C-alpha atoms as a PDB file:
ATOM      1  CA  MET A   1      65.089  -4.736 -16.794  1.00  0.00           C
ATOM      2  CA  ARG A   2      63.443  -5.848 -20.021  1.00  0.00           C
ATOM      3  CA  VAL A   3      65.078  -8.983 -21.395  1.00  0.00           C
ATOM      4  CA  ASP A   4      64.760  -7.741 -24.988  1.00  0.00           C
ATOM      5  CA  LEU A   5      67.283  -4.996 -24.151  1.00  0.00           C
ATOM      6  CA  PHE A   6      69.942  -7.719 -24.295  1.00  0.00           C
ATOM      7  CA  ASP A   7      69.030  -8.996 -27.754  1.00  0.00           C
ATOM      8  CA  PHE A   8      71.205  -8.777 -30.859  1.00  0.00           C
ATOM      9  CA  GLU A   9      71.370 -10.422 -34.277  1.00  0.00           C
ATOM     10  CA  LEU A  10      73.973 -13.157 -34.643  1.00  0.00           C
ATOM     11  CA  PRO A  11      74.574 -14.783 -38.044  1.00  0.00           C
ATOM     12  CA  PRO A  12      74.523 -18.597 -37.647  1.00  0.00           C
ATOM     13  CA  GLU A  13      77.898 -18.920 -39.374  1.00  0.00           C
ATOM     14  CA  ARG A  14      79.524 -17.121 -36.434  1.00  0.00           C
ATOM     15  CA  ILE A  15      78.868 -20.119 -34.133  1.00  0.00           C
ATOM     16  CA  ALA A  16      82.092 -22.128 -33.759  1.00  0.00           C
ATOM     17  CA  LEU A  17      81.751 -25.896 -34.119  1.00  0.00           C
ATOM     18  CA  ARG A  18      85.397 -26.678 -33.312  1.00  0.00           C
ATOM     19  CA  PRO A  19      87.938 -24.863 -31.131  1.00  0.00           C
ATOM     20  CA  ALA A  20      90.954 -23.004 -32.471  1.00  0.00           C
ATOM     21  CA  SER A  21      94.113 -25.091 -32.834  1.00  0.00           C
ATOM     22  CA  PRO A  22      96.420 -24.537 -31.105  1.00  0.00           C
ATOM     23  CA  ARG A  23      94.138 -23.302 -28.361  1.00  0.00           C
ATOM     24  CA  ASP A  24      95.974 -20.061 -27.632  1.00  0.00           C
ATOM     25  CA  CYS A  25      95.792 -18.866 -31.251  1.00  0.00           C
ATOM     26  CA  ALA A  26      92.127 -17.926 -30.773  1.00  0.00           C
ATOM     27  CA  ARG A  27      91.305 -14.272 -31.280  1.00  0.00           C
ATOM     28  CA  LEU A  28      90.815 -11.995 -28.282  1.00  0.00           C
ATOM     29  CA  LEU A  29      88.855  -8.746 -28.200  1.00  0.00           C
ATOM     30  CA  LEU A  30      90.197  -6.372 -25.561  1.00  0.00           C
ATOM     31  CA  VAL A  31      87.286  -4.290 -24.265  1.00  0.00           C
ATOM     32  CA  ARG A  32      87.946  -1.165 -22.203  1.00  0.00           C
ATOM     33  CA  PRO A  33      85.440   1.587 -21.406  1.00  0.00           C
ATOM     34  CA  ASP A  34      86.766   3.746 -24.246  1.00  0.00           C
ATOM     35  CA  SER A  35      88.374   1.348 -26.718  1.00  0.00           C
ATOM     36  CA  LEU A  36      88.211  -1.981 -28.535  1.00  0.00           C
ATOM     37  CA  GLU A  37      91.362  -3.762 -29.633  1.00  0.00           C
ATOM     38  CA  ASP A  38      91.765  -6.914 -31.727  1.00  0.00           C
ATOM     39  CA  ARG A  39      94.386  -9.228 -30.242  1.00  0.00           C
ATOM     40  CA  ILE A  40      95.275 -12.946 -29.926  1.00  0.00           C
ATOM     41  CA  VAL A  41      94.915 -15.034 -26.744  1.00  0.00           C
ATOM     42  CA  ARG A  42      98.629 -15.831 -26.673  1.00  0.00           C
ATOM     43  CA  GLU A  43      99.273 -12.067 -26.355  1.00  0.00           C
ATOM     44  CA  LEU A  44      97.568 -12.086 -22.956  1.00  0.00           C
ATOM     45  CA  PRO A  45     100.853 -11.625 -21.022  1.00  0.00           C
ATOM     46  CA  ASP A  46     101.230  -8.237 -22.757  1.00  0.00           C
ATOM     47  CA  LEU A  47      97.754  -7.176 -21.629  1.00  0.00           C
ATOM     48  CA  LEU A  48      98.155  -7.996 -17.935  1.00  0.00           C
ATOM     49  CA  ARG A  49     100.490  -6.673 -15.269  1.00  0.00           C
ATOM     50  CA  ALA A  50     102.940  -8.253 -12.869  1.00  0.00           C
ATOM     51  CA  GLY A  51     101.055  -8.920  -9.634  1.00  0.00           C
ATOM     52  CA  ASP A  52      97.734  -9.693 -11.340  1.00  0.00           C
ATOM     53  CA  ALA A  53      96.100 -13.076 -10.721  1.00  0.00           C
ATOM     54  CA  LEU A  54      93.937 -15.141 -13.064  1.00  0.00           C
ATOM     55  CA  VAL A  55      91.300 -17.339 -11.417  1.00  0.00           C
ATOM     56  CA  PHE A  56      90.403 -20.612 -13.155  1.00  0.00           C
ATOM     57  CA  ASN A  57      87.608 -23.102 -12.555  1.00  0.00           C
ATOM     58  CA  ASP A  58      89.077 -26.607 -12.135  1.00  0.00           C
ATOM     59  CA  THR A  59      85.807 -28.492 -12.634  1.00  0.00           C
ATOM     60  CA  ARG A  60      85.914 -31.471 -14.981  1.00  0.00           C
ATOM     61  CA  VAL A  61      83.113 -32.268 -17.439  1.00  0.00           C
ATOM     62  CA  ILE A  62      81.555 -35.708 -17.041  1.00  0.00           C
ATOM     63  CA  PRO A  63      79.854 -37.681 -19.876  1.00  0.00           C
ATOM     64  CA  ALA A  64      76.435 -36.527 -18.720  1.00  0.00           C
ATOM     65  CA  GLN A  65      74.405 -37.068 -21.885  1.00  0.00           C
ATOM     66  CA  LEU A  66      72.427 -40.339 -21.796  1.00  0.00           C
ATOM     67  CA  GLU A  67      70.072 -42.099 -24.208  1.00  0.00           C
ATOM     68  CA  GLY A  68      67.803 -44.912 -23.025  1.00  0.00           C
ATOM     69  CA  LEU A  69      64.459 -46.668 -23.034  1.00  0.00           C
ATOM     70  CA  ARG A  70      61.484 -46.628 -20.685  1.00  0.00           C
ATOM     71  CA  GLY A  71      59.670 -49.645 -22.035  1.00  0.00           C
ATOM     72  CA  GLU A  72      59.477 -48.825 -25.754  1.00  0.00           C
ATOM     73  CA  ALA A  73      59.729 -45.058 -25.322  1.00  0.00           C
ATOM     74  CA  ARG A  74      63.063 -43.452 -26.204  1.00  0.00           C
ATOM     75  CA  ILE A  75      64.288 -41.178 -23.425  1.00  0.00           C
ATOM     76  CA  GLY A  76      67.130 -38.666 -23.508  1.00  0.00           C
ATOM     77  CA  ALA A  77      68.610 -37.288 -20.288  1.00  0.00           C
ATOM     78  CA  THR A  78      71.142 -34.564 -19.587  1.00  0.00           C
ATOM     79  CA  LEU A  79      72.366 -34.676 -16.004  1.00  0.00           C
ATOM     80  CA  HIS A  80      72.105 -31.293 -14.371  1.00  0.00           C
ATOM     81  CA  LYS A  81      73.035 -31.331 -10.672  1.00  0.00           C
ATOM     82  CA  ARG A  82      74.105 -34.006  -8.203  1.00  0.00           C
ATOM     83  CA  GLU A  83      71.665 -34.539  -5.343  1.00  0.00           C
ATOM     84  CA  GLY A  84      73.325 -37.464  -3.565  1.00  0.00           C
ATOM     85  CA  SER A  85      75.871 -40.227  -4.048  1.00  0.00           C
ATOM     86  CA  ARG A  86      73.652 -41.968  -6.628  1.00  0.00           C
ATOM     87  CA  ALA A  87      71.064 -39.322  -7.539  1.00  0.00           C
ATOM     88  CA  TRP A  88      71.168 -36.576 -10.164  1.00  0.00           C
ATOM     89  CA  ARG A  89      68.681 -34.023 -11.395  1.00  0.00           C
ATOM     90  CA  ALA A  90      68.308 -34.336 -15.167  1.00  0.00           C
ATOM     91  CA  PHE A  91      66.589 -32.494 -17.969  1.00  0.00           C
ATOM     92  CA  VAL A  92      64.714 -35.231 -19.832  1.00  0.00           C
ATOM     93  CA  ARG A  93      63.656 -35.378 -23.465  1.00  0.00           C
ATOM     94  CA  ASN A  94      60.274 -37.075 -23.925  1.00  0.00           C
ATOM     95  CA  ALA A  95      59.598 -36.430 -20.225  1.00  0.00           C
ATOM     96  CA  LYS A  96      55.856 -36.892 -20.720  1.00  0.00           C
ATOM     97  CA  ARG A  97      56.549 -40.614 -21.110  1.00  0.00           C
ATOM     98  CA  VAL A  98      58.289 -40.819 -17.723  1.00  0.00           C
ATOM     99  CA  ARG A  99      56.425 -41.205 -14.426  1.00  0.00           C
ATOM    100  CA  ASP A 100      57.624 -41.365 -10.830  1.00  0.00           C
ATOM    101  CA  GLY A 101      59.063 -44.855 -10.207  1.00  0.00           C
ATOM    102  CA  ASP A 102      59.687 -45.709 -13.878  1.00  0.00           C
ATOM    103  CA  ARG A 103      62.885 -47.591 -14.681  1.00  0.00           C
ATOM    104  CA  ILE A 104      65.002 -46.233 -17.545  1.00  0.00           C
ATOM    105  CA  ASP A 105      67.584 -48.484 -19.217  1.00  0.00           C
ATOM    106  CA  PHE A 106      70.500 -46.494 -20.609  1.00  0.00           C
ATOM    107  CA  GLY A 107      72.336 -49.547 -21.922  1.00  0.00           C
ATOM    108  CA  ALA A 108      75.732 -50.967 -20.916  1.00  0.00           C
ATOM    109  CA  GLY A 109      74.154 -52.213 -17.693  1.00  0.00           C
ATOM    110  CA  VAL A 110      73.237 -48.693 -16.566  1.00  0.00           C
ATOM    111  CA  CYS A 111      69.694 -48.182 -15.230  1.00  0.00           C
ATOM    112  CA  ALA A 112      68.022 -45.489 -13.161  1.00  0.00           C
ATOM    113  CA  LEU A 113      64.697 -44.984 -11.423  1.00  0.00           C
ATOM    114  CA  ALA A 114      62.791 -41.782 -12.152  1.00  0.00           C
ATOM    115  CA  GLY A 115      61.684 -39.706  -9.183  1.00  0.00           C
ATOM    116  CA  ASP A 116      59.934 -36.415  -8.607  1.00  0.00           C
ATOM    117  CA  LYS A 117      59.783 -33.571 -11.114  1.00  0.00           C
ATOM    118  CA  ALA A 118      61.046 -30.154  -9.963  1.00  0.00           C
ATOM    119  CA  ALA A 119      59.674 -26.722 -10.816  1.00  0.00           C
ATOM    120  CA  ASP A 120      62.346 -26.256 -13.502  1.00  0.00           C
ATOM    121  CA  GLY A 121      61.126 -29.423 -15.255  1.00  0.00           C
ATOM    122  CA  SER A 122      64.070 -31.589 -14.235  1.00  0.00           C
ATOM    123  CA  ILE A 123      63.502 -35.167 -13.032  1.00  0.00           C
ATOM    124  CA  LEU A 124      65.409 -36.901 -10.245  1.00  0.00           C
ATOM    125  CA  LEU A 125      67.267 -39.988 -11.504  1.00  0.00           C
ATOM    126  CA  SER A 126      68.536 -42.537  -8.957  1.00  0.00           C
ATOM    127  CA  PHE A 127      71.112 -44.905 -10.462  1.00  0.00           C
ATOM    128  CA  GLU A 128      70.928 -48.587  -9.581  1.00  0.00           C
ATOM    129  CA  GLY A 129      73.797 -50.765  -8.386  1.00  0.00           C
ATOM    130  CA  ASP A 130      76.904 -50.296  -6.300  1.00  0.00           C
ATOM    131  CA  GLU A 131      79.393 -48.974  -8.856  1.00  0.00           C
ATOM    132  CA  PRO A 132      80.223 -45.274  -8.590  1.00  0.00           C
ATOM    133  CA  VAL A 133      77.979 -43.262 -10.874  1.00  0.00           C
ATOM    134  CA  GLU A 134      81.065 -41.812 -12.562  1.00  0.00           C
ATOM    135  CA  LEU A 135      81.997 -45.295 -13.813  1.00  0.00           C
ATOM    136  CA  LEU A 136      78.467 -45.879 -15.071  1.00  0.00           C
ATOM    137  CA  LEU A 137      78.594 -42.633 -17.007  1.00  0.00           C
ATOM    138  CA  GLU A 138      81.946 -43.538 -18.557  1.00  0.00           C
ATOM    139  CA  ARG A 139      80.243 -46.644 -19.976  1.00  0.00           C
ATOM    140  CA  ALA A 140      76.930 -45.219 -21.093  1.00  0.00           C
ATOM    141  CA  GLY A 141      77.299 -41.438 -21.346  1.00  0.00           C
ATOM    142  CA  ARG A 142      78.471 -38.957 -23.975  1.00  0.00           C
ATOM    143  CA  MET A 143      80.174 -35.595 -23.648  1.00  0.00           C
ATOM    144  CA  PRO A 144      77.320 -33.052 -23.245  1.00  0.00           C
ATOM    145  CA  LEU A 145      78.055 -30.516 -25.964  1.00  0.00           C
ATOM    146  CA  PRO A 146      76.046 -27.281 -25.785  1.00  0.00           C
ATOM    147  CA  PRO A 147      72.746 -27.471 -27.680  1.00  0.00           C
ATOM    148  CA  TYR A 148      73.824 -24.878 -30.257  1.00  0.00           C
ATOM    149  CA  ILE A 149      76.718 -27.180 -31.265  1.00  0.00           C
ATOM    150  CA  ALA A 150      74.955 -30.521 -30.789  1.00  0.00           C
ATOM    151  CA  ALA A 151      72.167 -29.348 -33.126  1.00  0.00           C
ATOM    152  CA  LYS A 152      74.702 -28.910 -35.930  1.00  0.00           C
ATOM    153  CA  ARG A 153      76.905 -31.994 -35.560  1.00  0.00           C
ATOM    154  CA  PRO A 154      77.198 -35.164 -33.449  1.00  0.00           C
ATOM    155  CA  THR A 155      79.587 -35.515 -30.536  1.00  0.00           C
ATOM    156  CA  ASP A 156      82.766 -37.364 -31.524  1.00  0.00           C
ATOM    157  CA  ALA A 157      86.056 -38.588 -30.042  1.00  0.00           C
ATOM    158  CA  ARG A 158      87.740 -35.183 -30.435  1.00  0.00           C
ATOM    159  CA  ASP A 159      85.269 -33.582 -28.046  1.00  0.00           C
ATOM    160  CA  ALA A 160      86.485 -35.739 -25.158  1.00  0.00           C
ATOM    161  CA  ASP A 161      89.683 -33.647 -25.205  1.00  0.00           C
ATOM    162  CA  ASP A 162      88.476 -30.441 -26.829  1.00  0.00           C
ATOM    163  CA  TYR A 163      85.743 -29.891 -24.222  1.00  0.00           C
ATOM    164  CA  GLN A 164      88.051 -30.168 -21.193  1.00  0.00           C
ATOM    165  CA  THR A 165      90.334 -27.394 -19.950  1.00  0.00           C
ATOM    166  CA  MET A 166      93.953 -28.005 -18.960  1.00  0.00           C
ATOM    167  CA  PHE A 167      92.868 -27.304 -15.345  1.00  0.00           C
ATOM    168  CA  ALA A 168      90.079 -29.927 -15.253  1.00  0.00           C
ATOM    169  CA  ARG A 169      90.427 -31.954 -12.061  1.00  0.00           C
ATOM    170  CA  GLU A 170      87.256 -32.065  -9.953  1.00  0.00           C
ATOM    171  CA  GLU A 171      84.620 -34.207 -11.693  1.00  0.00           C
ATOM    172  CA  GLY A 172      81.066 -32.917 -11.664  1.00  0.00           C
ATOM    173  CA  ALA A 173      80.377 -30.393 -14.439  1.00  0.00           C
ATOM    174  CA  VAL A 174      77.980 -30.997 -17.288  1.00  0.00           C
ATOM    175  CA  ALA A 175      79.277 -28.003 -19.228  1.00  0.00           C
ATOM    176  CA  ALA A 176      82.844 -26.761 -19.585  1.00  0.00           C
ATOM    177  CA  PRO A 177      84.109 -23.463 -18.155  1.00  0.00           C
ATOM    178  CA  THR A 178      84.910 -22.541 -21.731  1.00  0.00           C
ATOM    179  CA  ALA A 179      86.967 -19.376 -21.229  1.00  0.00           C
ATOM    180  CA  ALA A 180      89.787 -21.581 -19.934  1.00  0.00           C
ATOM    181  CA  LEU A 181      89.768 -23.761 -23.064  1.00  0.00           C
ATOM    182  CA  HIS A 182      92.129 -21.214 -24.650  1.00  0.00           C
ATOM    183  CA  PHE A 183      94.973 -21.844 -22.209  1.00  0.00           C
ATOM    184  CA  THR A 184      98.034 -24.012 -22.871  1.00  0.00           C
ATOM    185  CA  PRO A 185     101.092 -24.886 -20.774  1.00  0.00           C
ATOM    186  CA  GLY A 186     103.140 -22.548 -22.968  1.00  0.00           C
ATOM    187  CA  LEU A 187     100.802 -19.629 -22.335  1.00  0.00           C
ATOM    188  CA  MET A 188     100.791 -20.326 -18.601  1.00  0.00           C
ATOM    189  CA  ALA A 189     104.611 -20.297 -18.607  1.00  0.00           C
ATOM    190  CA  ALA A 190     104.624 -16.944 -20.417  1.00  0.00           C
ATOM    191  CA  LEU A 191     102.154 -15.513 -17.913  1.00  0.00           C
ATOM    192  CA  ALA A 192     104.290 -16.716 -15.003  1.00  0.00           C
ATOM    193  CA  GLU A 193     107.363 -15.122 -16.569  1.00  0.00           C
ATOM    194  CA  ARG A 194     105.408 -11.880 -16.803  1.00  0.00           C
ATOM    195  CA  GLY A 195     104.653 -12.124 -13.070  1.00  0.00           C
ATOM    196  CA  VAL A 196     100.978 -12.991 -13.461  1.00  0.00           C
ATOM    197  CA  GLY A 197      99.835 -15.538 -10.884  1.00  0.00           C
ATOM    198  CA  HIS A 198      96.908 -17.918 -10.977  1.00  0.00           C
ATOM    199  CA  GLU A 199      94.532 -19.637  -8.586  1.00  0.00           C
ATOM    200  CA  THR A 200      91.806 -22.259  -8.965  1.00  0.00           C
ATOM    201  CA  LEU A 201      88.360 -22.719  -7.491  1.00  0.00           C
ATOM    202  CA  THR A 202      85.631 -25.263  -8.243  1.00  0.00           C
ATOM    203  CA  LEU A 203      82.159 -24.563  -9.623  1.00  0.00           C
ATOM    204  CA  HIS A 204      80.356 -27.544 -11.116  1.00  0.00           C
ATOM    205  CA  VAL A 205      78.653 -25.993 -14.121  1.00  0.00           C
ATOM    206  CA  GLY A 206      75.118 -27.290 -14.642  1.00  0.00           C
ATOM    207  CA  ALA A 207      73.034 -27.699 -17.788  1.00  0.00           C
ATOM    208  CA  GLY A 208      70.894 -24.864 -16.488  1.00  0.00           C
ATOM    209  CA  THR A 209      73.541 -22.490 -17.836  1.00  0.00           C
ATOM    210  CA  PHE A 210      72.026 -23.102 -21.293  1.00  0.00           C
ATOM    211  CA  LEU A 211      68.397 -22.587 -20.268  1.00  0.00           C
ATOM    212  CA  PRO A 212      66.816 -19.674 -22.148  1.00  0.00           C
ATOM    213  CA  VAL A 213      65.446 -16.704 -20.270  1.00  0.00           C
ATOM    214  CA  LYS A 214      61.706 -17.045 -20.866  1.00  0.00           C
ATOM    215  CA  ALA A 215      60.620 -14.137 -18.698  1.00  0.00           C
ATOM    216  CA  GLU A 216      60.090 -10.719 -20.244  1.00  0.00           C
ATOM    217  CA  ASP A 217      61.756  -8.984 -17.298  1.00  0.00           C
ATOM    218  CA  THR A 218      64.965 -10.021 -15.543  1.00  0.00           C
ATOM    219  CA  ALA A 219      63.221  -9.665 -12.178  1.00  0.00           C
ATOM    220  CA  ASP A 220      60.999 -12.619 -13.071  1.00  0.00           C
ATOM    221  CA  HIS A 221      63.789 -15.034 -14.076  1.00  0.00           C
ATOM    222  CA  ALA A 222      64.618 -17.872 -11.668  1.00  0.00           C
ATOM    223  CA  MET A 223      68.361 -18.516 -11.819  1.00  0.00           C
ATOM    224  CA  HIS A 224      69.648 -22.111 -11.668  1.00  0.00           C
ATOM    225  CA  SER A 225      71.899 -23.075  -8.748  1.00  0.00           C
ATOM    226  CA  GLU A 226      75.333 -24.684  -8.944  1.00  0.00           C
ATOM    227  CA  TRP A 227      77.683 -26.092  -6.303  1.00  0.00           C
ATOM    228  CA  GLY A 228      81.036 -24.430  -5.715  1.00  0.00           C
ATOM    229  CA  ARG A 229      83.998 -24.236  -3.357  1.00  0.00           C
ATOM    230  CA  ILE A 230      86.772 -21.741  -2.622  1.00  0.00           C
ATOM    231  CA  GLU A 231      89.426 -22.947  -0.195  1.00  0.00           C
ATOM    232  CA  ALA A 232      90.448 -20.669   2.673  1.00  0.00           C
ATOM    233  CA  ALA A 233      94.060 -20.492   1.471  1.00  0.00           C
ATOM    234  CA  THR A 234      92.931 -19.527  -2.037  1.00  0.00           C
ATOM    235  CA  ALA A 235      90.712 -16.750  -0.690  1.00  0.00           C
ATOM    236  CA  GLU A 236      93.569 -15.443   1.449  1.00  0.00           C
ATOM    237  CA  ARG A 237      95.990 -15.323  -1.500  1.00  0.00           C
ATOM    238  CA  LEU A 238      93.476 -13.527  -3.727  1.00  0.00           C
ATOM    239  CA  ASN A 239      92.796 -10.937  -1.036  1.00  0.00           C
ATOM    240  CA  GLN A 240      96.543 -10.380  -0.797  1.00  0.00           C
ATOM    241  CA  VAL A 241      96.753  -9.815  -4.558  1.00  0.00           C
ATOM    242  CA  ARG A 242      94.363  -6.886  -4.312  1.00  0.00           C
ATOM    243  CA  ALA A 243      95.927  -5.599  -1.104  1.00  0.00           C
ATOM    244  CA  THR A 244      99.274  -5.252  -2.912  1.00  0.00           C
ATOM    245  CA  GLY A 245      97.824  -3.493  -5.960  1.00  0.00           C
ATOM    246  CA  GLY A 246      97.229  -6.455  -8.249  1.00  0.00           C
ATOM    247  CA  ARG A 247      94.019  -7.244 -10.082  1.00  0.00           C
ATOM    248  CA  VAL A 248      91.875 -10.345  -9.751  1.00  0.00           C
ATOM    249  CA  ILE A 249      90.830 -11.404 -13.261  1.00  0.00           C
ATOM    250  CA  ALA A 250      88.198 -14.135 -13.433  1.00  0.00           C
ATOM    251  CA  VAL A 251      88.654 -16.616 -16.261  1.00  0.00           C
ATOM    252  CA  GLY A 252      85.067 -17.326 -17.223  1.00  0.00           C
ATOM    253  CA  THR A 253      81.695 -16.317 -15.865  1.00  0.00           C
ATOM    254  CA  THR A 254      81.645 -19.393 -13.616  1.00  0.00           C
ATOM    255  CA  SER A 255      84.752 -18.224 -11.744  1.00  0.00           C
ATOM    256  CA  LEU A 256      83.335 -14.708 -11.540  1.00  0.00           C
ATOM    257  CA  ARG A 257      79.968 -15.834 -10.182  1.00  0.00           C
ATOM    258  CA  LEU A 258      81.593 -17.898  -7.435  1.00  0.00           C
ATOM    259  CA  LEU A 259      84.029 -15.146  -6.462  1.00  0.00           C
ATOM    260  CA  GLU A 260      81.193 -12.645  -6.205  1.00  0.00           C
ATOM    261  CA  SER A 261      79.138 -15.140  -4.182  1.00  0.00           C
ATOM    262  CA  ALA A 262      82.012 -15.526  -1.729  1.00  0.00           C
ATOM    263  CA  ALA A 263      82.842 -11.819  -1.311  1.00  0.00           C
ATOM    264  CA  ASP A 264      81.518  -9.752   1.573  1.00  0.00           C
ATOM    265  CA  GLU A 265      80.234  -6.168   1.295  1.00  0.00           C
ATOM    266  CA  GLY A 266      83.744  -4.819   1.721  1.00  0.00           C
ATOM    267  CA  GLY A 267      85.121  -6.894  -1.149  1.00  0.00           C
ATOM    268  CA  THR A 268      86.958  -9.464   0.962  1.00  0.00           C
ATOM    269  CA  ILE A 269      86.749 -12.941  -0.553  1.00  0.00           C
ATOM    270  CA  ARG A 270      85.717 -15.505   2.063  1.00  0.00           C
ATOM    271  CA  PRO A 271      86.031 -19.313   1.968  1.00  0.00           C
ATOM    272  CA  PHE A 272      82.925 -20.774   0.358  1.00  0.00           C
ATOM    273  CA  GLU A 273      81.321 -24.166  -0.044  1.00  0.00           C
ATOM    274  CA  GLY A 274      77.744 -24.696  -1.155  1.00  0.00           C
ATOM    275  CA  ASP A 275      75.219 -23.689  -3.799  1.00  0.00           C
ATOM    276  CA  THR A 276      75.092 -20.348  -5.522  1.00  0.00           C
ATOM    277  CA  ALA A 277      72.295 -18.986  -7.695  1.00  0.00           C
ATOM    278  CA  ILE A 278      73.689 -15.475  -8.054  1.00  0.00           C
ATOM    279  CA  PHE A 279      72.135 -13.588 -10.982  1.00  0.00           C
ATOM    280  CA  ILE A 280      74.202 -10.585 -12.076  1.00  0.00           C
ATOM    281  CA  THR A 281      72.501  -7.885 -14.138  1.00  0.00           C
ATOM    282  CA  PRO A 282      73.247  -4.185 -14.795  1.00  0.00           C
ATOM    283  CA  GLY A 283      73.220  -2.234 -11.554  1.00  0.00           C
ATOM    284  CA  TYR A 284      75.126  -4.927  -9.671  1.00  0.00           C
ATOM    285  CA  ARG A 285      78.144  -3.645  -7.694  1.00  0.00           C
ATOM    286  CA  PHE A 286      81.132  -5.921  -8.276  1.00  0.00           C
ATOM    287  CA  ARG A 287      83.094  -6.675  -5.130  1.00  0.00           C
ATOM    288  CA  ALA A 288      85.663  -9.383  -5.873  1.00  0.00           C
ATOM    289  CA  VAL A 289      86.886  -9.032  -9.462  1.00  0.00           C
ATOM    290  CA  ASP A 290      88.668  -6.386 -11.507  1.00  0.00           C
ATOM    291  CA  GLY A 291      88.204  -7.962 -14.921  1.00  0.00           C
ATOM    292  CA  LEU A 292      86.922 -10.960 -16.834  1.00  0.00           C
ATOM    293  CA  LEU A 293      88.187 -13.179 -19.620  1.00  0.00           C
ATOM    294  CA  THR A 294      85.197 -14.758 -21.338  1.00  0.00           C
ATOM    295  CA  ASN A 295      83.891 -16.085 -24.643  1.00  0.00           C
ATOM    296  CA  PHE A 296      81.038 -14.497 -26.614  1.00  0.00           C
ATOM    297  CA  HIS A 297      77.566 -15.332 -25.322  1.00  0.00           C
ATOM    298  CA  LEU A 298      74.020 -15.931 -26.534  1.00  0.00           C
ATOM    299  CA  PRO A 299      71.602 -13.047 -27.112  1.00  0.00           C
ATOM    300  CA  LYS A 300      69.241 -12.445 -24.176  1.00  0.00           C
ATOM    301  CA  SER A 301      71.227 -14.898 -22.016  1.00  0.00           C
ATOM    302  CA  THR A 302      72.062 -14.468 -18.342  1.00  0.00           C
ATOM    303  CA  LEU A 303      75.745 -14.451 -19.343  1.00  0.00           C
ATOM    304  CA  PHE A 304      75.344 -11.538 -21.745  1.00  0.00           C
ATOM    305  CA  MET A 305      73.497  -9.749 -18.928  1.00  0.00           C
ATOM    306  CA  LEU A 306      76.499 -10.440 -16.667  1.00  0.00           C
ATOM    307  CA  VAL A 307      79.060  -8.940 -19.068  1.00  0.00           C
ATOM    308  CA  SER A 308      76.708  -5.990 -19.590  1.00  0.00           C
ATOM    309  CA  ALA A 309      76.683  -5.470 -15.830  1.00  0.00           C
ATOM    310  CA  LEU A 310      80.488  -5.388 -15.809  1.00  0.00           C
ATOM    311  CA  MET A 311      81.081  -3.109 -18.810  1.00  0.00           C
ATOM    312  CA  GLY A 312      77.716  -1.469 -19.501  1.00  0.00           C
ATOM    313  CA  ARG A 313      74.999  -2.709 -21.838  1.00  0.00           C
ATOM    314  CA  GLU A 314      75.673  -0.221 -24.634  1.00  0.00           C
ATOM    315  CA  ARG A 315      79.397  -0.916 -24.493  1.00  0.00           C
ATOM    316  CA  MET A 316      78.871  -4.659 -24.809  1.00  0.00           C
ATOM    317  CA  LEU A 317      76.391  -4.273 -27.663  1.00  0.00           C
ATOM    318  CA  GLU A 318      79.050  -2.190 -29.446  1.00  0.00           C
ATOM    319  CA  ALA A 319      81.721  -4.802 -28.685  1.00  0.00           C
ATOM    320  CA  TYR A 320      79.561  -7.653 -29.970  1.00  0.00           C
ATOM    321  CA  ALA A 321      78.645  -5.723 -33.123  1.00  0.00           C
ATOM    322  CA  HIS A 322      82.367  -5.216 -33.747  1.00  0.00           C
ATOM    323  CA  ALA A 323      83.087  -8.895 -33.107  1.00  0.00           C
ATOM    324  CA  ILE A 324      80.377 -10.000 -35.541  1.00  0.00           C
ATOM    325  CA  GLU A 325      81.573  -7.593 -38.235  1.00  0.00           C
ATOM    326  CA  ALA A 326      85.207  -8.618 -37.708  1.00  0.00           C
ATOM    327  CA  GLY A 327      84.444 -12.350 -37.977  1.00  0.00           C
ATOM    328  CA  TYR A 328      85.002 -13.462 -34.405  1.00  0.00           C
ATOM    329  CA  ARG A 329      83.801 -16.982 -33.582  1.00  0.00           C
ATOM    330  CA  PHE A 330      81.071 -17.240 -30.906  1.00  0.00           C
ATOM    331  CA  TYR A 331      80.113 -19.470 -27.984  1.00  0.00           C
ATOM    332  CA  SER A 332      81.804 -22.413 -26.268  1.00  0.00           C
ATOM    333  CA  TYR A 333      84.354 -23.274 -28.961  1.00  0.00           C
ATOM    334  CA  GLY A 334      84.709 -19.683 -30.123  1.00  0.00           C
ATOM    335  CA  ASP A 335      87.054 -16.765 -29.545  1.00  0.00           C
ATOM    336  CA  SER A 336      87.613 -14.787 -26.359  1.00  0.00           C
ATOM    337  CA  SER A 337      87.312 -11.312 -24.899  1.00  0.00           C
ATOM    338  CA  LEU A 338      89.124  -9.563 -22.062  1.00  0.00           C
ATOM    339  CA  LEU A 339      86.869  -7.114 -20.250  1.00  0.00           C
ATOM    340  CA  LEU A 340      88.608  -4.453 -18.145  1.00  0.00           C
ATOM    341  CA  PRO A 341      86.061  -2.011 -16.675  1.00  0.00           C
ATOM    342  CA  ASN A 342      88.558   0.324 -14.973  1.00  0.00           C
ATOM    343  CA  PRO A 343      89.665   3.116 -17.362  1.00  0.00           C
ATOM    344  CA  ASP A 344      93.149   2.858 -15.866  1.00  0.00           C
ATOM    345  CA  GLY A 345      93.227  -0.949 -16.209  1.00  0.00           C
END
């Protein structure tokens, strides 16, 4: 499909620079095939049914943004994907000044050797020393805010908490699974009282999630890969939810992409561990999920293509036009939407 079919005009003032406070007071647009409804995230228990299950991504964002020197050249690096105990792929600013074997000093005693450059432009960085890389990043790194926020303000101390979900446990993401940022212990208690269950999986979100689609046709876009895991017991419980009439609702596109990667042709979710580069566009047949809770995405992005696949492109363009007109806040720190493609859902 032509990428320009997924374009829309977004006023810059609609981009949220801080999250709602408290988190569950963010607005929520309920999108069904035949209706749009303005709600609040904390009203979610009223919109779901007993027996449904929400699926959260428990990845934890690491301080993956680094600034350093190669000789006198200033180098910026955003870690992208782990490739070993001490090696990470990174998107590098000023990459023309970096050659294979160069040593980059990121300060605080943190240094890395540059390796080969991949087709996506990323460079392999191998960190020196014996300390775990996670400790090195705690000393020298910053929280990697999305580029559309970082371009408008610097990262600060608030982001260390604001950019982590309440489920964050497994370190390895360089971007937050932002749909889950809206959840609080109070909301989870209300959902449990309603009879809505929840499960967690792990998908380490990479910086590639923010890469623009440069191709003119979706068939020519190379999707980035990310590592994920679904435990056997989790898969079994989710299959049981659907077998007993409940719905599996993915919280975030990361959870959805991993669930769909793990599902077989019959819709059974299987245990999964490894990389996924699934690219979901209109025409895709969903196998594992019955709905999606997600924030509002960039024009012409792979994520807007995904929600268009779930609900229909025209429907999502209508929903986004409504959200813009109604003053919803967009992107990582913005408001939310609940997408239910089944007319009876």
